[in-house]
Amino acid sequence: MYITIKSIKKTLGKYIEYMDLYIGIPALFLFLILFSFTNFKLISFIYLTVVIFLMLPINLSKKNRMYKVMFLVFYFLIKVKEYSYYKNKKGE
């Protein structure tokens, strides 16, 4: 008899993970500081819009957030790529 679990990730309910809170709460406090104590009101709204966009769930799964997809895209763009080219000679 095997005991299986759905996920080893720590969750706070149905679709909220701890990683979402680790990213979302500091982002919220940074927005509040930028909006309240500086002259960067427009920049703080742009920042809040980007953070909300990154926290949206995507269609693949409700647990996958856009920031995970953006991390994978940036990882793909900056990783070292090695290409191999082989030329076949005709007649051999």
PDB file of N, CA and C in Angstrom:
ATOM      1  N   MET A   1       0.838  -1.166   0.000  1.00  0.00           N
ATOM      2  CA  MET A   1       0.000   0.000   0.000  1.00  0.00           C
ATOM      3  C   MET A   1       0.892   1.240   0.000  1.00  0.00           C
ATOM      4  N   TYR A   2       0.577   2.160  -0.909  1.00  0.00           N
ATOM      5  CA  TYR A   2       1.346   3.382  -1.030  1.00  0.00           C
ATOM      6  C   TYR A   2       0.498   4.568  -0.597  1.00  0.00           C
ATOM      7  N   ILE A   3       1.134   5.481   0.088  1.00  0.00           N
ATOM      8  CA  ILE A   3       0.465   6.721   0.464  1.00  0.00           C
ATOM      9  C   ILE A   3       0.981   7.805  -0.480  1.00  0.00           C
ATOM     10  N   THR A   4       0.096   8.432  -1.193  1.00  0.00           N
ATOM     11  CA  THR A   4       0.509   9.469  -2.133  1.00  0.00           C
ATOM     12  C   THR A   4      -0.038  10.820  -1.683  1.00  0.00           C
ATOM     13  N   ILE A   5       0.677  11.847  -2.051  1.00  0.00           N
ATOM     14  CA  ILE A   5       0.214  13.201  -1.785  1.00  0.00           C
ATOM     15  C   ILE A   5       0.140  13.942  -3.110  1.00  0.00           C
ATOM     16  N   LYS A   6      -0.698  14.945  -3.164  1.00  0.00           N
ATOM     17  CA  LYS A   6      -0.877  15.691  -4.413  1.00  0.00           C
ATOM     18  C   LYS A   6       0.348  16.527  -4.744  1.00  0.00           C
ATOM     19  N   SER A   7       0.918  17.185  -3.769  1.00  0.00           N
ATOM     20  CA  SER A   7       2.040  18.075  -4.013  1.00  0.00           C
ATOM     21  C   SER A   7       2.871  18.190  -2.748  1.00  0.00           C
ATOM     22  N   ILE A   8       4.175  18.348  -2.921  1.00  0.00           N
ATOM     23  CA  ILE A   8       5.027  18.551  -1.758  1.00  0.00           C
ATOM     24  C   ILE A   8       5.210  20.032  -1.458  1.00  0.00           C
ATOM     25  N   LYS A   9       4.635  20.894  -2.289  1.00  0.00           N
ATOM     26  CA  LYS A   9       4.734  22.332  -2.059  1.00  0.00           C
ATOM     27  C   LYS A   9       3.810  22.736  -0.924  1.00  0.00           C
ATOM     28  N   LYS A  10       4.259  23.706  -0.152  1.00  0.00           N
ATOM     29  CA  LYS A  10       3.447  24.215   0.947  1.00  0.00           C
ATOM     30  C   LYS A  10       2.444  25.212   0.391  1.00  0.00           C
ATOM     31  N   THR A  11       1.186  25.025   0.721  1.00  0.00           N
ATOM     32  CA  THR A  11       0.145  25.906   0.208  1.00  0.00           C
ATOM     33  C   THR A  11      -0.645  26.514   1.346  1.00  0.00           C
ATOM     34  N   LEU A  12      -1.315  27.611   1.023  1.00  0.00           N
ATOM     35  CA  LEU A  12      -2.176  28.290   1.990  1.00  0.00           C
ATOM     36  C   LEU A  12      -3.594  28.309   1.466  1.00  0.00           C
ATOM     37  N   GLY A  13      -4.134  27.222   1.205  1.00  0.00           N
ATOM     38  CA  GLY A  13      -5.468  27.191   0.631  1.00  0.00           C
ATOM     39  C   GLY A  13      -5.428  26.468  -0.695  1.00  0.00           C
ATOM     40  N   LYS A  14      -6.357  26.816  -1.550  1.00  0.00           N
ATOM     41  CA  LYS A  14      -6.499  26.060  -2.775  1.00  0.00           C
ATOM     42  C   LYS A  14      -5.401  26.348  -3.791  1.00  0.00           C
ATOM     43  N   TYR A  15      -5.126  27.637  -4.079  1.00  0.00           N
ATOM     44  CA  TYR A  15      -4.176  27.959  -5.149  1.00  0.00           C
ATOM     45  C   TYR A  15      -3.065  28.900  -4.716  1.00  0.00           C
ATOM     46  N   ILE A  16      -2.943  29.220  -3.455  1.00  0.00           N
ATOM     47  CA  ILE A  16      -1.927  30.165  -3.008  1.00  0.00           C
ATOM     48  C   ILE A  16      -0.784  29.387  -2.362  1.00  0.00           C
ATOM     49  N   GLU A  17       0.434  29.631  -2.856  1.00  0.00           N
ATOM     50  CA  GLU A  17       1.618  28.994  -2.305  1.00  0.00           C
ATOM     51  C   GLU A  17       2.375  30.010  -1.462  1.00  0.00           C
ATOM     52  N   TYR A  18       3.293  29.502  -0.645  1.00  0.00           N
ATOM     53  CA  TYR A  18       4.118  30.387   0.155  1.00  0.00           C
ATOM     54  C   TYR A  18       5.011  31.260  -0.712  1.00  0.00           C
ATOM     55  N   MET A  19       5.480  30.737  -1.847  1.00  0.00           N
ATOM     56  CA  MET A  19       6.332  31.526  -2.739  1.00  0.00           C
ATOM     57  C   MET A  19       5.596  32.756  -3.250  1.00  0.00           C
ATOM     58  N   ASP A  20       4.289  32.637  -3.472  1.00  0.00           N
ATOM     59  CA  ASP A  20       3.498  33.789  -3.890  1.00  0.00           C
ATOM     60  C   ASP A  20       3.512  34.874  -2.815  1.00  0.00           C
ATOM     61  N   LEU A  21       3.430  34.458  -1.560  1.00  0.00           N
ATOM     62  CA  LEU A  21       3.482  35.426  -0.468  1.00  0.00           C
ATOM     63  C   LEU A  21       4.871  36.017  -0.293  1.00  0.00           C
ATOM     64  N   TYR A  22       5.904  35.194  -0.492  1.00  0.00           N
ATOM     65  CA  TYR A  22       7.274  35.690  -0.371  1.00  0.00           C
ATOM     66  C   TYR A  22       7.570  36.765  -1.410  1.00  0.00           C
ATOM     67  N   ILE A  23       6.921  36.696  -2.544  1.00  0.00           N
ATOM     68  CA  ILE A  23       7.107  37.701  -3.588  1.00  0.00           C
ATOM     69  C   ILE A  23       6.093  38.837  -3.440  1.00  0.00           C
ATOM     70  N   GLY A  24       4.864  38.518  -3.126  1.00  0.00           N
ATOM     71  CA  GLY A  24       3.794  39.507  -3.114  1.00  0.00           C
ATOM     72  C   GLY A  24       3.849  40.490  -1.962  1.00  0.00           C
ATOM     73  N   ILE A  25       4.158  40.031  -0.760  1.00  0.00           N
ATOM     74  CA  ILE A  25       4.153  40.932   0.403  1.00  0.00           C
ATOM     75  C   ILE A  25       5.269  41.979   0.322  1.00  0.00           C
ATOM     76  N   PRO A  26       6.531  41.603   0.002  1.00  0.00           N
ATOM     77  CA  PRO A  26       7.541  42.664  -0.165  1.00  0.00           C
ATOM     78  C   PRO A  26       7.218  43.608  -1.327  1.00  0.00           C
ATOM     79  N   ALA A  27       6.617  43.075  -2.386  1.00  0.00           N
ATOM     80  CA  ALA A  27       6.232  43.935  -3.502  1.00  0.00           C
ATOM     81  C   ALA A  27       5.160  44.930  -3.072  1.00  0.00           C
ATOM     82  N   LEU A  28       4.224  44.502  -2.248  1.00  0.00           N
ATOM     83  CA  LEU A  28       3.190  45.403  -1.737  1.00  0.00           C
ATOM     84  C   LEU A  28       3.789  46.485  -0.853  1.00  0.00           C
ATOM     85  N   PHE A  29       4.704  46.111   0.042  1.00  0.00           N
ATOM     86  CA  PHE A  29       5.324  47.107   0.905  1.00  0.00           C
ATOM     87  C   PHE A  29       6.186  48.090   0.112  1.00  0.00           C
ATOM     88  N   LEU A  30       6.879  47.606  -0.914  1.00  0.00           N
ATOM     89  CA  LEU A  30       7.663  48.499  -1.755  1.00  0.00           C
ATOM     90  C   LEU A  30       6.757  49.479  -2.497  1.00  0.00           C
ATOM     91  N   PHE A  31       5.612  49.007  -2.975  1.00  0.00           N
ATOM     92  CA  PHE A  31       4.651  49.907  -3.609  1.00  0.00           C
ATOM     93  C   PHE A  31       4.162  50.959  -2.632  1.00  0.00           C
ATOM     94  N   LEU A  32       3.817  50.538  -1.425  1.00  0.00           N
ATOM     95  CA  LEU A  32       3.333  51.499  -0.427  1.00  0.00           C
ATOM     96  C   LEU A  32       4.386  52.543  -0.078  1.00  0.00           C
ATOM     97  N   ILE A  33       5.639  52.130   0.040  1.00  0.00           N
ATOM     98  CA  ILE A  33       6.713  53.078   0.339  1.00  0.00           C
ATOM     99  C   ILE A  33       6.911  54.039  -0.823  1.00  0.00           C
ATOM    100  N   LEU A  34       6.949  53.500  -2.053  1.00  0.00           N
ATOM    101  CA  LEU A  34       7.124  54.368  -3.225  1.00  0.00           C
ATOM    102  C   LEU A  34       5.965  55.343  -3.377  1.00  0.00           C
ATOM    103  N   PHE A  35       4.773  54.882  -3.153  1.00  0.00           N
ATOM    104  CA  PHE A  35       3.600  55.733  -3.354  1.00  0.00           C
ATOM    105  C   PHE A  35       3.446  56.760  -2.238  1.00  0.00           C
ATOM    106  N   SER A  36       3.756  56.386  -1.019  1.00  0.00           N
ATOM    107  CA  SER A  36       3.485  57.262   0.118  1.00  0.00           C
ATOM    108  C   SER A  36       4.590  58.272   0.401  1.00  0.00           C
ATOM    109  N   PHE A  37       5.830  57.841   0.318  1.00  0.00           N
ATOM    110  CA  PHE A  37       6.923  58.666   0.822  1.00  0.00           C
ATOM    111  C   PHE A  37       7.828  59.261  -0.247  1.00  0.00           C
ATOM    112  N   THR A  38       7.548  59.034  -1.515  1.00  0.00           N
ATOM    113  CA  THR A  38       8.387  59.591  -2.573  1.00  0.00           C
ATOM    114  C   THR A  38       7.519  60.338  -3.576  1.00  0.00           C
ATOM    115  N   ASN A  39       8.180  60.940  -4.540  1.00  0.00           N
ATOM    116  CA  ASN A  39       7.473  61.646  -5.606  1.00  0.00           C
ATOM    117  C   ASN A  39       7.254  60.757  -6.828  1.00  0.00           C
ATOM    118  N   PHE A  40       7.505  59.486  -6.711  1.00  0.00           N
ATOM    119  CA  PHE A  40       7.402  58.555  -7.832  1.00  0.00           C
ATOM    120  C   PHE A  40       6.034  57.882  -7.863  1.00  0.00           C
ATOM    121  N   LYS A  41       4.983  58.644  -7.903  1.00  0.00           N
ATOM    122  CA  LYS A  41       3.619  58.083  -7.877  1.00  0.00           C
ATOM    123  C   LYS A  41       3.318  57.284  -9.137  1.00  0.00           C
ATOM    124  N   LEU A  42       3.650  57.841 -10.298  1.00  0.00           N
ATOM    125  CA  LEU A  42       3.379  57.148 -11.556  1.00  0.00           C
ATOM    126  C   LEU A  42       4.215  55.880 -11.679  1.00  0.00           C
ATOM    127  N   ILE A  43       5.473  55.953 -11.279  1.00  0.00           N
ATOM    128  CA  ILE A  43       6.341  54.773 -11.324  1.00  0.00           C
ATOM    129  C   ILE A  43       5.828  53.693 -10.375  1.00  0.00           C
ATOM    130  N   SER A  44       5.296  54.099  -9.233  1.00  0.00           N
ATOM    131  CA  SER A  44       4.775  53.107  -8.293  1.00  0.00           C
ATOM    132  C   SER A  44       3.532  52.414  -8.861  1.00  0.00           C
ATOM    133  N   PHE A  45       2.688  53.134  -9.598  1.00  0.00           N
ATOM    134  CA  PHE A  45       1.534  52.492 -10.231  1.00  0.00           C
ATOM    135  C   PHE A  45       1.960  51.536 -11.345  1.00  0.00           C
ATOM    136  N   ILE A  46       2.982  51.919 -12.100  1.00  0.00           N
ATOM    137  CA  ILE A  46       3.510  51.020 -13.138  1.00  0.00           C
ATOM    138  C   ILE A  46       4.091  49.769 -12.498  1.00  0.00           C
ATOM    139  N   TYR A  47       4.826  49.942 -11.404  1.00  0.00           N
ATOM    140  CA  TYR A  47       5.379  48.819 -10.663  1.00  0.00           C
ATOM    141  C   TYR A  47       4.272  47.893 -10.152  1.00  0.00           C
ATOM    142  N   LEU A  48       3.211  48.472  -9.593  1.00  0.00           N
ATOM    143  CA  LEU A  48       2.097  47.666  -9.096  1.00  0.00           C
ATOM    144  C   LEU A  48       1.424  46.904 -10.235  1.00  0.00           C
ATOM    145  N   THR A  49       1.277  47.527 -11.385  1.00  0.00           N
ATOM    146  CA  THR A  49       0.684  46.853 -12.545  1.00  0.00           C
ATOM    147  C   THR A  49       1.522  45.666 -12.985  1.00  0.00           C
ATOM    148  N   VAL A  50       2.839  45.832 -13.018  1.00  0.00           N
ATOM    149  CA  VAL A  50       3.728  44.726 -13.410  1.00  0.00           C
ATOM    150  C   VAL A  50       3.657  43.590 -12.393  1.00  0.00           C
ATOM    151  N   VAL A  51       3.640  43.918 -11.114  1.00  0.00           N
ATOM    152  CA  VAL A  51       3.568  42.884 -10.074  1.00  0.00           C
ATOM    153  C   VAL A  51       2.242  42.126 -10.161  1.00  0.00           C
ATOM    154  N   ILE A  52       1.162  42.842 -10.366  1.00  0.00           N
ATOM    155  CA  ILE A  52      -0.140  42.170 -10.507  1.00  0.00           C
ATOM    156  C   ILE A  52      -0.142  41.258 -11.727  1.00  0.00           C
ATOM    157  N   PHE A  53       0.459  41.722 -12.831  1.00  0.00           N
ATOM    158  CA  PHE A  53       0.558  40.885 -14.034  1.00  0.00           C
ATOM    159  C   PHE A  53       1.359  39.619 -13.750  1.00  0.00           C
ATOM    160  N   LEU A  54       2.453  39.746 -13.013  1.00  0.00           N
ATOM    161  CA  LEU A  54       3.287  38.583 -12.728  1.00  0.00           C
ATOM    162  C   LEU A  54       2.624  37.616 -11.746  1.00  0.00           C
ATOM    163  N   MET A  55       1.693  38.077 -10.959  1.00  0.00           N
ATOM    164  CA  MET A  55       1.024  37.206  -9.996  1.00  0.00           C
ATOM    165  C   MET A  55      -0.223  36.527 -10.565  1.00  0.00           C
ATOM    166  N   LEU A  56      -0.595  36.844 -11.799  1.00  0.00           N
ATOM    167  CA  LEU A  56      -1.777  36.233 -12.394  1.00  0.00           C
ATOM    168  C   LEU A  56      -1.548  34.755 -12.669  1.00  0.00           C
ATOM    169  N   PRO A  57      -2.542  33.919 -12.426  1.00  0.00           N
ATOM    170  CA  PRO A  57      -2.415  32.514 -12.820  1.00  0.00           C
ATOM    171  C   PRO A  57      -2.569  32.385 -14.331  1.00  0.00           C
ATOM    172  N   ILE A  58      -1.892  31.399 -14.893  1.00  0.00           N
ATOM    173  CA  ILE A  58      -1.982  31.182 -16.334  1.00  0.00           C
ATOM    174  C   ILE A  58      -2.808  29.945 -16.601  1.00  0.00           C
ATOM    175  N   ASN A  59      -3.171  29.738 -17.847  1.00  0.00           N
ATOM    176  CA  ASN A  59      -4.108  28.682 -18.209  1.00  0.00           C
ATOM    177  C   ASN A  59      -3.564  27.267 -18.031  1.00  0.00           C
ATOM    178  N   LEU A  60      -2.258  27.086 -17.981  1.00  0.00           N
ATOM    179  CA  LEU A  60      -1.718  25.735 -17.849  1.00  0.00           C
ATOM    180  C   LEU A  60      -2.149  25.096 -16.535  1.00  0.00           C
ATOM    181  N   SER A  61      -2.098  25.885 -15.493  1.00  0.00           N
ATOM    182  CA  SER A  61      -2.499  25.401 -14.187  1.00  0.00           C
ATOM    183  C   SER A  61      -2.774  26.618 -13.313  1.00  0.00           C
ATOM    184  N   LYS A  62      -3.702  26.518 -12.403  1.00  0.00           N
ATOM    185  CA  LYS A  62      -4.007  27.667 -11.560  1.00  0.00           C
ATOM    186  C   LYS A  62      -2.904  27.935 -10.553  1.00  0.00           C
ATOM    187  N   LYS A  63      -2.025  26.964 -10.321  1.00  0.00           N
ATOM    188  CA  LYS A  63      -0.918  27.180  -9.405  1.00  0.00           C
ATOM    189  C   LYS A  63       0.269  27.839 -10.090  1.00  0.00           C
ATOM    190  N   ASN A  64       0.358  27.753 -11.408  1.00  0.00           N
ATOM    191  CA  ASN A  64       1.458  28.390 -12.118  1.00  0.00           C
ATOM    192  C   ASN A  64       1.174  29.872 -12.253  1.00  0.00           C
ATOM    193  N   ARG A  65       2.106  30.657 -11.842  1.00  0.00           N
ATOM    194  CA  ARG A  65       1.980  32.104 -11.928  1.00  0.00           C
ATOM    195  C   ARG A  65       2.867  32.603 -13.057  1.00  0.00           C
ATOM    196  N   MET A  66       2.598  33.812 -13.497  1.00  0.00           N
ATOM    197  CA  MET A  66       3.341  34.379 -14.607  1.00  0.00           C
ATOM    198  C   MET A  66       4.805  34.599 -14.252  1.00  0.00           C
ATOM    199  N   TYR A  67       5.125  34.856 -12.976  1.00  0.00           N
ATOM    200  CA  TYR A  67       6.524  35.072 -12.628  1.00  0.00           C
ATOM    201  C   TYR A  67       7.351  33.808 -12.830  1.00  0.00           C
ATOM    202  N   LYS A  68       6.751  32.642 -12.674  1.00  0.00           N
ATOM    203  CA  LYS A  68       7.474  31.401 -12.928  1.00  0.00           C
ATOM    204  C   LYS A  68       7.773  31.251 -14.409  1.00  0.00           C
ATOM    205  N   VAL A  69       6.813  31.629 -15.252  1.00  0.00           N
ATOM    206  CA  VAL A  69       7.020  31.557 -16.696  1.00  0.00           C
ATOM    207  C   VAL A  69       8.082  32.558 -17.126  1.00  0.00           C
ATOM    208  N   MET A  70       8.034  33.778 -16.570  1.00  0.00           N
ATOM    209  CA  MET A  70       9.036  34.788 -16.920  1.00  0.00           C
ATOM    210  C   MET A  70      10.423  34.350 -16.460  1.00  0.00           C
ATOM    211  N   PHE A  71      10.532  33.694 -15.317  1.00  0.00           N
ATOM    212  CA  PHE A  71      11.817  33.172 -14.859  1.00  0.00           C
ATOM    213  C   PHE A  71      12.362  32.156 -15.848  1.00  0.00           C
ATOM    214  N   LEU A  72      11.506  31.261 -16.341  1.00  0.00           N
ATOM    215  CA  LEU A  72      11.958  30.273 -17.314  1.00  0.00           C
ATOM    216  C   LEU A  72      12.371  30.918 -18.628  1.00  0.00           C
ATOM    217  N   VAL A  73      11.667  31.966 -19.059  1.00  0.00           N
ATOM    218  CA  VAL A  73      12.036  32.672 -20.295  1.00  0.00           C
ATOM    219  C   VAL A  73      13.396  33.338 -20.139  1.00  0.00           C
ATOM    220  N   PHE A  74      13.607  34.053 -19.027  1.00  0.00           N
ATOM    221  CA  PHE A  74      14.897  34.701 -18.808  1.00  0.00           C
ATOM    222  C   PHE A  74      16.016  33.680 -18.670  1.00  0.00           C
ATOM    223  N   TYR A  75      15.742  32.560 -18.027  1.00  0.00           N
ATOM    224  CA  TYR A  75      16.741  31.504 -17.909  1.00  0.00           C
ATOM    225  C   TYR A  75      17.114  30.956 -19.283  1.00  0.00           C
ATOM    226  N   PHE A  76      16.131  30.789 -20.149  1.00  0.00           N
ATOM    227  CA  PHE A  76      16.404  30.301 -21.495  1.00  0.00           C
ATOM    228  C   PHE A  76      17.225  31.313 -22.284  1.00  0.00           C
ATOM    229  N   LEU A  77      16.935  32.599 -22.115  1.00  0.00           N
ATOM    230  CA  LEU A  77      17.631  33.628 -22.879  1.00  0.00           C
ATOM    231  C   LEU A  77      19.078  33.812 -22.456  1.00  0.00           C
ATOM    232  N   ILE A  78      19.383  33.642 -21.174  1.00  0.00           N
ATOM    233  CA  ILE A  78      20.738  33.911 -20.708  1.00  0.00           C
ATOM    234  C   ILE A  78      21.609  32.667 -20.576  1.00  0.00           C
ATOM    235  N   LYS A  79      21.052  31.486 -20.734  1.00  0.00           N
ATOM    236  CA  LYS A  79      21.888  30.296 -20.583  1.00  0.00           C
ATOM    237  C   LYS A  79      22.815  30.158 -21.790  1.00  0.00           C
ATOM    238  N   VAL A  80      23.916  29.481 -21.584  1.00  0.00           N
ATOM    239  CA  VAL A  80      24.905  29.287 -22.636  1.00  0.00           C
ATOM    240  C   VAL A  80      24.375  28.262 -23.628  1.00  0.00           C
ATOM    241  N   LYS A  81      24.390  28.650 -24.888  1.00  0.00           N
ATOM    242  CA  LYS A  81      23.902  27.748 -25.932  1.00  0.00           C
ATOM    243  C   LYS A  81      25.077  27.306 -26.786  1.00  0.00           C
ATOM    244  N   GLU A  82      25.177  26.038 -27.037  1.00  0.00           N
ATOM    245  CA  GLU A  82      26.228  25.501 -27.895  1.00  0.00           C
ATOM    246  C   GLU A  82      25.570  24.880 -29.116  1.00  0.00           C
ATOM    247  N   TYR A  83      26.032  25.306 -30.258  1.00  0.00           N
ATOM    248  CA  TYR A  83      25.489  24.799 -31.510  1.00  0.00           C
ATOM    249  C   TYR A  83      26.547  23.974 -32.220  1.00  0.00           C
ATOM    250  N   SER A  84      26.128  22.892 -32.847  1.00  0.00           N
ATOM    251  CA  SER A  84      27.024  22.039 -33.612  1.00  0.00           C
ATOM    252  C   SER A  84      26.577  22.045 -35.062  1.00  0.00           C
ATOM    253  N   TYR A  85      27.543  22.182 -35.947  1.00  0.00           N
ATOM    254  CA  TYR A  85      27.237  22.205 -37.369  1.00  0.00           C
ATOM    255  C   TYR A  85      28.069  21.137 -38.040  1.00  0.00           C
ATOM    256  N   TYR A  86      27.419  20.245 -38.752  1.00  0.00           N
ATOM    257  CA  TYR A  86      28.095  19.193 -39.495  1.00  0.00           C
ATOM    258  C   TYR A  86      27.751  19.332 -40.954  1.00  0.00           C
ATOM    259  N   LYS A  87      28.795  19.317 -41.768  1.00  0.00           N
ATOM    260  CA  LYS A  87      28.581  19.436 -43.209  1.00  0.00           C
ATOM    261  C   LYS A  87      28.823  18.075 -43.841  1.00  0.00           C
ATOM    262  N   ASN A  88      27.825  17.569 -44.539  1.00  0.00           N
ATOM    263  CA  ASN A  88      27.985  16.300 -45.221  1.00  0.00           C
ATOM    264  C   ASN A  88      28.540  16.561 -46.618  1.00  0.00           C
ATOM    265  N   LYS A  89      29.556  15.813 -46.960  1.00  0.00           N
ATOM    266  CA  LYS A  89      30.159  15.948 -48.296  1.00  0.00           C
ATOM    267  C   LYS A  89      29.390  15.043 -49.256  1.00  0.00           C
ATOM    268  N   LYS A  90      29.094  15.567 -50.436  1.00  0.00           N
ATOM    269  CA  LYS A  90      28.389  14.746 -51.425  1.00  0.00           C
ATOM    270  C   LYS A  90      29.359  13.757 -52.059  1.00  0.00           C
ATOM    271  N   GLY A  91      28.893  12.606 -52.327  1.00  0.00           N
ATOM    272  CA  GLY A  91      29.693  11.590 -52.984  1.00  0.00           C
ATOM    273  C   GLY A  91      30.406  10.671 -52.023  1.00  0.00           C
ATOM    274  N   GLU A  92      30.321  10.900 -50.777  1.00  0.00           N
ATOM    275  CA  GLU A  92      30.990  10.009 -49.824  1.00  0.00           C
ATOM    276  C   GLU A  92      30.003   9.189 -49.070  1.00  0.00           C
TER     277      GLU A  92
END
